C-alpha atoms as a PDB file:
ATOM      1  CA  MET A   1     -61.225-216.934 -54.508  1.00  0.00           C
ATOM      2  CA  ILE A   2     -62.703-213.491 -53.956  1.00  0.00           C
ATOM      3  CA  ASN A   3     -59.593-211.851 -52.439  1.00  0.00           C
ATOM      4  CA  ARG A   4     -57.538-213.421 -55.093  1.00  0.00           C
ATOM      5  CA  ILE A   5     -59.712-211.104 -57.387  1.00  0.00           C
ATOM      6  CA  ILE A   6     -59.263-208.356 -55.369  1.00  0.00           C
ATOM      7  CA  LYS A   7     -55.321-208.610 -55.668  1.00  0.00           C
ATOM      8  CA  GLN A   8     -55.550-208.239 -59.604  1.00  0.00           C
ATOM      9  CA  ILE A   9     -57.448-205.376 -60.088  1.00  0.00           C
ATOM     10  CA  PRO A  10     -54.334-202.736 -59.633  1.00  0.00           C
ATOM     11  CA  ASN A  11     -52.810-204.955 -61.787  1.00  0.00           C
ATOM     12  CA  THR A  12     -55.611-205.176 -64.488  1.00  0.00           C
ATOM     13  CA  ILE A  13     -55.883-201.316 -64.650  1.00  0.00           C
ATOM     14  CA  THR A  14     -52.061-201.134 -65.150  1.00  0.00           C
ATOM     15  CA  SER A  15     -52.357-203.655 -67.983  1.00  0.00           C
ATOM     16  CA  CYS A  16     -55.073-201.667 -69.620  1.00  0.00           C
ATOM     17  CA  ASN A  17     -52.674-199.026 -69.345  1.00  0.00           C
ATOM     18  CA  LEU A  18     -50.008-200.939 -71.438  1.00  0.00           C
ATOM     19  CA  ILE A  19     -52.596-202.140 -74.055  1.00  0.00           C
ATOM     20  CA  CYS A  20     -53.327-198.414 -74.517  1.00  0.00           C
ATOM     21  CA  GLY A  21     -49.876-197.584 -74.954  1.00  0.00           C
ATOM     22  CA  CYS A  22     -49.313-200.275 -77.478  1.00  0.00           C
ATOM     23  CA  ILE A  23     -52.112-198.917 -79.396  1.00  0.00           C
ATOM     24  CA  ALA A  24     -51.123-195.249 -79.228  1.00  0.00           C
ATOM     25  CA  ILE A  25     -47.399-197.043 -80.716  1.00  0.00           C
ATOM     26  CA  VAL A  26     -49.492-198.105 -83.663  1.00  0.00           C
ATOM     27  CA  CYS A  27     -52.082-195.314 -84.278  1.00  0.00           C
ATOM     28  CA  ALA A  28     -48.991-193.188 -84.349  1.00  0.00           C
ATOM     29  CA  LEU A  29     -46.868-195.306 -86.767  1.00  0.00           C
ATOM     30  CA  HIS A  30     -50.151-195.005 -89.236  1.00  0.00           C
ATOM     31  CA  ASP A  31     -49.664-191.137 -88.715  1.00  0.00           C
ATOM     32  CA  HIS A  32     -53.182-191.212 -86.667  1.00  0.00           C
ATOM     33  CA  TYR A  33     -51.870-188.684 -84.345  1.00  0.00           C
ATOM     34  CA  THR A  34     -55.196-187.872 -82.983  1.00  0.00           C
ATOM     35  CA  THR A  35     -55.803-191.276 -82.426  1.00  0.00           C
ATOM     36  CA  ALA A  36     -52.218-192.060 -80.325  1.00  0.00           C
ATOM     37  CA  LEU A  37     -53.035-188.923 -78.618  1.00  0.00           C
ATOM     38  CA  LEU A  38     -56.018-190.265 -77.158  1.00  0.00           C
ATOM     39  CA  PHE A  39     -54.682-193.694 -76.421  1.00  0.00           C
ATOM     40  CA  ILE A  40     -52.006-191.805 -74.403  1.00  0.00           C
ATOM     41  CA  ILE A  41     -54.214-189.905 -72.079  1.00  0.00           C
ATOM     42  CA  LEU A  42     -56.494-192.787 -71.726  1.00  0.00           C
ATOM     43  CA  GLY A  43     -53.761-194.802 -70.768  1.00  0.00           C
ATOM     44  CA  ALA A  44     -52.428-191.854 -68.288  1.00  0.00           C
ATOM     45  CA  THR A  45     -56.313-192.599 -67.072  1.00  0.00           C
ATOM     46  CA  PHE A  46     -55.309-196.164 -66.132  1.00  0.00           C
ATOM     47  CA  ASP A  47     -51.656-195.105 -64.659  1.00  0.00           C
ATOM     48  CA  PHE A  48     -54.178-192.789 -61.832  1.00  0.00           C
ATOM     49  CA  PHE A  49     -56.383-195.166 -60.910  1.00  0.00           C
ATOM     50  CA  ASP A  50     -54.273-198.414 -60.924  1.00  0.00           C
ATOM     51  CA  GLY A  51     -51.872-196.712 -58.166  1.00  0.00           C
ATOM     52  CA  MET A  52     -54.956-195.241 -55.963  1.00  0.00           C
ATOM     53  CA  SER A  53     -57.071-198.940 -56.306  1.00  0.00           C
ATOM     54  CA  ALA A  54     -53.493-200.359 -54.951  1.00  0.00           C
ATOM     55  CA  ARG A  55     -53.678-197.861 -52.162  1.00  0.00           C
ATOM     56  CA  LEU A  56     -57.573-197.977 -51.404  1.00  0.00           C
ATOM     57  CA  LEU A  57     -57.309-202.297 -51.751  1.00  0.00           C
ATOM     58  CA  HIS A  58     -54.398-202.380 -49.573  1.00  0.00           C
ATOM     59  CA  VAL A  59     -52.943-204.900 -52.326  1.00  0.00           C
ATOM     60  CA  SER A  60     -49.740-202.844 -53.189  1.00  0.00           C
ATOM     61  CA  SER A  61     -47.113-204.856 -54.458  1.00  0.00           C
ATOM     62  CA  ASN A  62     -43.561-205.704 -56.004  1.00  0.00           C
ATOM     63  CA  ILE A  63     -44.715-207.006 -59.099  1.00  0.00           C
ATOM     64  CA  GLY A  64     -47.332-204.285 -59.288  1.00  0.00           C
ATOM     65  CA  LYS A  65     -44.533-201.671 -58.795  1.00  0.00           C
ATOM     66  CA  GLU A  66     -42.437-203.004 -61.832  1.00  0.00           C
ATOM     67  CA  LEU A  67     -45.609-203.983 -64.063  1.00  0.00           C
ATOM     68  CA  ASP A  68     -46.681-200.261 -63.459  1.00  0.00           C
ATOM     69  CA  SER A  69     -42.816-198.426 -64.489  1.00  0.00           C
ATOM     70  CA  LEU A  70     -42.984-201.423 -67.806  1.00  0.00           C
ATOM     71  CA  ALA A  71     -46.234-199.821 -68.704  1.00  0.00           C
ATOM     72  CA  ASP A  72     -45.319-196.485 -68.251  1.00  0.00           C
ATOM     73  CA  ASP A  73     -42.648-196.713 -70.593  1.00  0.00           C
ATOM     74  CA  VAL A  74     -44.782-198.041 -72.830  1.00  0.00           C
ATOM     75  CA  THR A  75     -47.315-195.847 -72.801  1.00  0.00           C
ATOM     76  CA  PHE A  76     -45.284-192.400 -72.316  1.00  0.00           C
ATOM     77  CA  GLY A  77     -41.945-193.847 -73.409  1.00  0.00           C
ATOM     78  CA  VAL A  78     -42.041-195.324 -76.502  1.00  0.00           C
ATOM     79  CA  ALA A  79     -45.550-193.858 -77.674  1.00  0.00           C
ATOM     80  CA  PRO A  80     -44.463-190.486 -77.808  1.00  0.00           C
ATOM     81  CA  ALA A  81     -41.125-191.103 -79.671  1.00  0.00           C
ATOM     82  CA  SER A  82     -43.204-192.940 -82.253  1.00  0.00           C
ATOM     83  CA  MET A  83     -44.985-190.150 -82.634  1.00  0.00           C
ATOM     84  CA  VAL A  84     -41.955-188.131 -83.178  1.00  0.00           C
ATOM     85  CA  PHE A  85     -40.504-190.291 -84.901  1.00  0.00           C
ATOM     86  CA  SER A  86     -43.663-190.550 -87.334  1.00  0.00           C
ATOM     87  CA  ILE A  87     -43.864-187.186 -88.005  1.00  0.00           C
ATOM     88  CA  CYS A  88     -39.947-186.316 -88.643  1.00  0.00           C
ATOM     89  CA  LYS A  89     -40.150-189.082 -91.072  1.00  0.00           C
ATOM     90  CA  ASN A  90     -42.976-187.160 -92.778  1.00  0.00           C
ATOM     91  CA  CYS A  91     -41.010-183.550 -92.502  1.00  0.00           C
ATOM     92  CA  SER A  92     -38.381-182.313 -94.880  1.00  0.00           C
ATOM     93  CA  TYR A  93     -35.017-181.816 -94.212  1.00  0.00           C
ATOM     94  CA  PRO A  94     -31.678-179.469 -95.502  1.00  0.00           C
ATOM     95  CA  SER A  95     -30.585-180.860 -98.928  1.00  0.00           C
ATOM     96  CA  PHE A  96     -27.204-180.992 -97.309  1.00  0.00           C
ATOM     97  CA  LEU A  97     -27.808-183.786 -95.085  1.00  0.00           C
ATOM     98  CA  GLY A  98     -28.262-186.102 -98.043  1.00  0.00           C
ATOM     99  CA  GLU A  99     -29.399-189.685 -97.567  1.00  0.00           C
ATOM    100  CA  LEU A 100     -28.401-189.187 -93.824  1.00  0.00           C
ATOM    101  CA  SER A 101     -32.104-187.393 -93.639  1.00  0.00           C
ATOM    102  CA  GLN A 102     -33.623-190.554 -94.089  1.00  0.00           C
ATOM    103  CA  TYR A 103     -32.151-192.394 -90.714  1.00  0.00           C
ATOM    104  CA  LEU A 104     -32.552-188.950 -88.447  1.00  0.00           C
ATOM    105  CA  PRO A 105     -36.023-189.776 -87.572  1.00  0.00           C
ATOM    106  CA  TYR A 106     -35.054-192.809 -85.796  1.00  0.00           C
ATOM    107  CA  LEU A 107     -33.240-190.681 -82.902  1.00  0.00           C
ATOM    108  CA  ALA A 108     -36.874-189.700 -81.726  1.00  0.00           C
ATOM    109  CA  PHE A 109     -36.906-193.249 -80.310  1.00  0.00           C
ATOM    110  CA  ILE A 110     -33.948-191.841 -77.301  1.00  0.00           C
ATOM    111  CA  MET A 111     -36.955-190.757 -75.477  1.00  0.00           C
ATOM    112  CA  ALA A 112     -38.487-194.448 -74.652  1.00  0.00           C
ATOM    113  CA  ALA A 113     -34.831-194.915 -73.339  1.00  0.00           C
ATOM    114  CA  PHE A 114     -34.728-191.599 -71.063  1.00  0.00           C
ATOM    115  CA  SER A 115     -38.025-192.493 -70.203  1.00  0.00           C
ATOM    116  CA  ALA A 116     -37.211-196.025 -68.827  1.00  0.00           C
ATOM    117  CA  ILE A 117     -34.379-194.741 -67.272  1.00  0.00           C
ATOM    118  CA  ARG A 118     -36.359-192.138 -65.427  1.00  0.00           C
ATOM    119  CA  LEU A 119     -38.945-194.923 -64.338  1.00  0.00           C
ATOM    120  CA  ALA A 120     -35.442-196.818 -63.368  1.00  0.00           C
ATOM    121  CA  ILE A 121     -34.654-193.724 -60.720  1.00  0.00           C
ATOM    122  CA  PHE A 122     -38.141-193.101 -59.849  1.00  0.00           C
ATOM    123  CA  ASN A 123     -38.458-196.722 -58.189  1.00  0.00           C
ATOM    124  CA  LEU A 124     -35.180-195.907 -56.108  1.00  0.00           C
ATOM    125  CA  ASP A 125     -35.096-192.039 -55.584  1.00  0.00           C
ATOM    126  CA  THR A 126     -36.851-191.940 -51.980  1.00  0.00           C
ATOM    127  CA  ARG A 127     -36.818-188.129 -52.326  1.00  0.00           C
ATOM    128  CA  GLN A 128     -39.850-188.250 -54.674  1.00  0.00           C
ATOM    129  CA  THR A 129     -42.497-189.581 -52.411  1.00  0.00           C
ATOM    130  CA  THR A 130     -44.270-186.336 -52.623  1.00  0.00           C
ATOM    131  CA  SER A 131     -42.389-183.920 -55.393  1.00  0.00           C
ATOM    132  CA  PHE A 132     -40.582-185.282 -58.751  1.00  0.00           C
ATOM    133  CA  ILE A 133     -36.998-184.782 -59.452  1.00  0.00           C
ATOM    134  CA  GLY A 134     -37.020-184.559 -63.611  1.00  0.00           C
ATOM    135  CA  LEU A 135     -39.462-184.123 -65.879  1.00  0.00           C
ATOM    136  CA  PRO A 136     -42.572-186.906 -65.114  1.00  0.00           C
ATOM    137  CA  THR A 137     -42.905-189.199 -68.012  1.00  0.00           C
ATOM    138  CA  PRO A 138     -46.944-188.593 -68.449  1.00  0.00           C
ATOM    139  CA  ALA A 139     -46.221-184.682 -69.202  1.00  0.00           C
ATOM    140  CA  ASN A 140     -43.599-185.596 -71.423  1.00  0.00           C
ATOM    141  CA  ALA A 141     -45.885-187.526 -73.427  1.00  0.00           C
ATOM    142  CA  LEU A 142     -48.798-184.907 -72.824  1.00  0.00           C
ATOM    143  CA  PHE A 143     -46.060-182.399 -74.260  1.00  0.00           C
ATOM    144  CA  TRP A 144     -45.365-184.353 -77.481  1.00  0.00           C
ATOM    145  CA  GLY A 145     -48.751-185.693 -78.471  1.00  0.00           C
ATOM    146  CA  ALA A 146     -50.370-182.315 -78.074  1.00  0.00           C
ATOM    147  CA  LEU A 147     -47.902-180.758 -79.546  1.00  0.00           C
ATOM    148  CA  ILE A 148     -47.570-183.314 -83.007  1.00  0.00           C
ATOM    149  CA  VAL A 149     -51.726-183.338 -83.404  1.00  0.00           C
ATOM    150  CA  ALA A 150     -52.011-179.712 -82.808  1.00  0.00           C
ATOM    151  CA  HIS A 151     -49.318-178.783 -85.573  1.00  0.00           C
ATOM    152  CA  GLN A 152     -49.054-181.625 -87.783  1.00  0.00           C
ATOM    153  CA  ARG A 153     -49.829-180.148 -91.064  1.00  0.00           C
ATOM    154  CA  THR A 154     -46.931-177.425 -90.646  1.00  0.00           C
ATOM    155  CA  PHE A 155     -44.838-179.743 -89.743  1.00  0.00           C
ATOM    156  CA  ILE A 156     -45.466-182.074 -93.176  1.00  0.00           C
ATOM    157  CA  GLU A 157     -46.670-179.315 -95.128  1.00  0.00           C
ATOM    158  CA  GLY A 158     -44.775-176.424 -94.193  1.00  0.00           C
ATOM    159  CA  SER A 159     -42.018-175.015 -96.370  1.00  0.00           C
ATOM    160  CA  ASN A 160     -39.482-174.814 -93.438  1.00  0.00           C
ATOM    161  CA  GLU A 161     -36.603-178.025 -93.800  1.00  0.00           C
ATOM    162  CA  TRP A 162     -35.627-177.391 -89.916  1.00  0.00           C
ATOM    163  CA  PHE A 163     -38.816-178.560 -88.575  1.00  0.00           C
ATOM    164  CA  GLY A 164     -37.457-181.992 -88.684  1.00  0.00           C
ATOM    165  CA  ILE A 165     -34.177-180.808 -86.961  1.00  0.00           C
ATOM    166  CA  GLY A 166     -35.604-178.828 -84.824  1.00  0.00           C
ATOM    167  CA  LEU A 167     -38.298-181.985 -83.311  1.00  0.00           C
ATOM    168  CA  LEU A 168     -35.135-183.857 -82.835  1.00  0.00           C
ATOM    169  CA  LEU A 169     -33.145-181.300 -80.771  1.00  0.00           C
ATOM    170  CA  GLY A 170     -36.671-180.619 -78.623  1.00  0.00           C
ATOM    171  CA  THR A 171     -36.382-184.365 -78.156  1.00  0.00           C
ATOM    172  CA  PHE A 172     -32.665-184.200 -76.980  1.00  0.00           C
ATOM    173  CA  ILE A 173     -33.673-181.493 -74.777  1.00  0.00           C
ATOM    174  CA  PHE A 174     -36.556-183.435 -73.124  1.00  0.00           C
ATOM    175  CA  SER A 175     -35.103-186.573 -72.615  1.00  0.00           C
ATOM    176  CA  TYR A 176     -32.561-184.738 -70.340  1.00  0.00           C
ATOM    177  CA  LEU A 177     -35.453-182.956 -68.656  1.00  0.00           C
ATOM    178  CA  LEU A 178     -36.502-186.351 -67.720  1.00  0.00           C
ATOM    179  CA  VAL A 179     -33.600-187.699 -65.961  1.00  0.00           C
ATOM    180  CA  ALA A 180     -32.371-184.118 -64.762  1.00  0.00           C
ATOM    181  CA  ASP A 181     -31.620-183.584 -61.029  1.00  0.00           C
ATOM    182  CA  ILE A 182     -34.602-180.787 -60.953  1.00  0.00           C
ATOM    183  CA  PRO A 183     -37.199-180.470 -58.394  1.00  0.00           C
ATOM    184  CA  MET A 184     -40.628-180.567 -60.087  1.00  0.00           C
ATOM    185  CA  PHE A 185     -43.857-180.266 -57.922  1.00  0.00           C
ATOM    186  CA  ALA A 186     -46.801-182.554 -57.618  1.00  0.00           C
ATOM    187  CA  LEU A 187     -50.408-181.936 -57.626  1.00  0.00           C
ATOM    188  CA  LYS A 188     -50.561-183.594 -54.441  1.00  0.00           C
ATOM    189  CA  PHE A 189     -52.381-182.200 -51.854  1.00  0.00           C
ATOM    190  CA  LYS A 190     -52.194-182.409 -47.636  1.00  0.00           C
ATOM    191  CA  ASN A 191     -54.900-179.945 -47.221  1.00  0.00           C
ATOM    192  CA  LEU A 192     -56.374-177.312 -49.214  1.00  0.00           C
ATOM    193  CA  SER A 193     -55.067-174.059 -47.541  1.00  0.00           C
ATOM    194  CA  TRP A 194     -54.037-171.709 -50.285  1.00  0.00           C
ATOM    195  CA  ALA A 195     -50.512-170.726 -47.948  1.00  0.00           C
ATOM    196  CA  ASP A 196     -49.278-174.538 -48.116  1.00  0.00           C
ATOM    197  CA  ASN A 197     -50.014-174.448 -52.061  1.00  0.00           C
ATOM    198  CA  SER A 198     -50.382-171.627 -53.722  1.00  0.00           C
ATOM    199  CA  ILE A 199     -48.204-172.536 -56.272  1.00  0.00           C
ATOM    200  CA  LYS A 200     -50.439-175.366 -57.273  1.00  0.00           C
ATOM    201  CA  TYR A 201     -53.463-173.629 -57.224  1.00  0.00           C
ATOM    202  CA  ILE A 202     -51.959-170.965 -59.394  1.00  0.00           C
ATOM    203  CA  PHE A 203     -50.514-173.678 -62.185  1.00  0.00           C
ATOM    204  CA  ILE A 204     -54.235-175.058 -62.185  1.00  0.00           C
ATOM    205  CA  ILE A 205     -56.304-172.003 -62.791  1.00  0.00           C
ATOM    206  CA  THR A 206     -53.517-170.896 -65.156  1.00  0.00           C
ATOM    207  CA  SER A 207     -53.481-174.458 -67.090  1.00  0.00           C
ATOM    208  CA  ILE A 208     -57.342-173.955 -67.415  1.00  0.00           C
ATOM    209  CA  ILE A 209     -57.193-170.643 -68.939  1.00  0.00           C
ATOM    210  CA  LEU A 210     -53.660-171.911 -71.374  1.00  0.00           C
ATOM    211  CA  ILE A 211     -56.413-174.300 -72.599  1.00  0.00           C
ATOM    212  CA  LEU A 212     -59.426-172.968 -73.069  1.00  0.00           C
ATOM    213  CA  VAL A 213     -57.383-169.888 -75.442  1.00  0.00           C
ATOM    214  CA  LEU A 214     -55.473-172.487 -76.960  1.00  0.00           C
ATOM    215  CA  GLY A 215     -56.853-175.374 -77.378  1.00  0.00           C
ATOM    216  CA  ILE A 216     -54.863-178.473 -77.661  1.00  0.00           C
ATOM    217  CA  SER A 217     -51.266-176.316 -78.198  1.00  0.00           C
ATOM    218  CA  GLY A 218     -52.450-175.472 -74.780  1.00  0.00           C
ATOM    219  CA  ILE A 219     -51.372-179.213 -73.248  1.00  0.00           C
ATOM    220  CA  SER A 220     -48.065-178.547 -74.550  1.00  0.00           C
ATOM    221  CA  ALA A 221     -48.265-174.856 -73.032  1.00  0.00           C
ATOM    222  CA  VAL A 222     -48.963-176.176 -70.085  1.00  0.00           C
ATOM    223  CA  ILE A 223     -46.360-178.327 -69.460  1.00  0.00           C
ATOM    224  CA  LEU A 224     -44.057-175.359 -70.201  1.00  0.00           C
ATOM    225  CA  TRP A 225     -45.430-173.639 -67.831  1.00  0.00           C
ATOM    226  CA  TYR A 226     -44.872-176.187 -65.646  1.00  0.00           C
ATOM    227  CA  ILE A 227     -41.247-176.641 -66.289  1.00  0.00           C
ATOM    228  CA  ILE A 228     -40.680-173.251 -66.008  1.00  0.00           C
ATOM    229  CA  LEU A 229     -42.938-172.647 -62.458  1.00  0.00           C
ATOM    230  CA  SER A 230     -41.048-176.092 -61.281  1.00  0.00           C
ATOM    231  CA  VAL A 231     -37.378-174.139 -61.946  1.00  0.00           C
ATOM    232  CA  PHE A 232     -38.657-171.213 -60.428  1.00  0.00           C
ATOM    233  CA  THR A 233     -40.141-172.187 -57.365  1.00  0.00           C
ATOM    234  CA  GLN A 234     -38.746-175.658 -56.159  1.00  0.00           C
ATOM    235  CA  ASN A 235     -35.020-174.454 -56.525  1.00  0.00           C
ATOM    236  CA  LYS A 236     -35.714-172.081 -54.225  1.00  0.00           C
END
């Protein structure tokens, strides 16, 4: 009986991630962007601990792996896509688009599809044991969540009628980055030496500075910095 309970601990934690994603989606569709971001972050916390608990308890399973991907697509794919959809729905658009503008926000859900593809690739790609190929879905979700929370008033009340178009174009770019064959480093340490982990230490230190200086916007800046640092260091 106890063994059965122990085996279900990682899956229970994964399910909590999934539930957080569902709540984040509801909050996003009701324009509660800050709450949506908080549940995405909480989901990311559960996502971190489900894998750790599976390794510590030695109860990894194929079911757990599939459940983890499903939960991740909800929390880090559908939830941020819902935030982009909701904010774009409230944006102004160039007048020449006419009635087409009311349908454009639905393009945001392309992000959810590409997140699912990225997660499927990750499950099958043996190269991604110590690093990533393409932008990790949690990083993508945090970028969009923080960007929308930090600048929601500007996007909705701003006089620039191209904000919505710009957000959707950004969605396409980041959807590509999710599945692009671009090596990106992971914050996994085999040891604590500077020589082996200099890029990771530099990233952590600069990320703390960005968040302290920029606040919520700093989270989006950190993700952009992560992409740039990966491109210029991992492809050498």
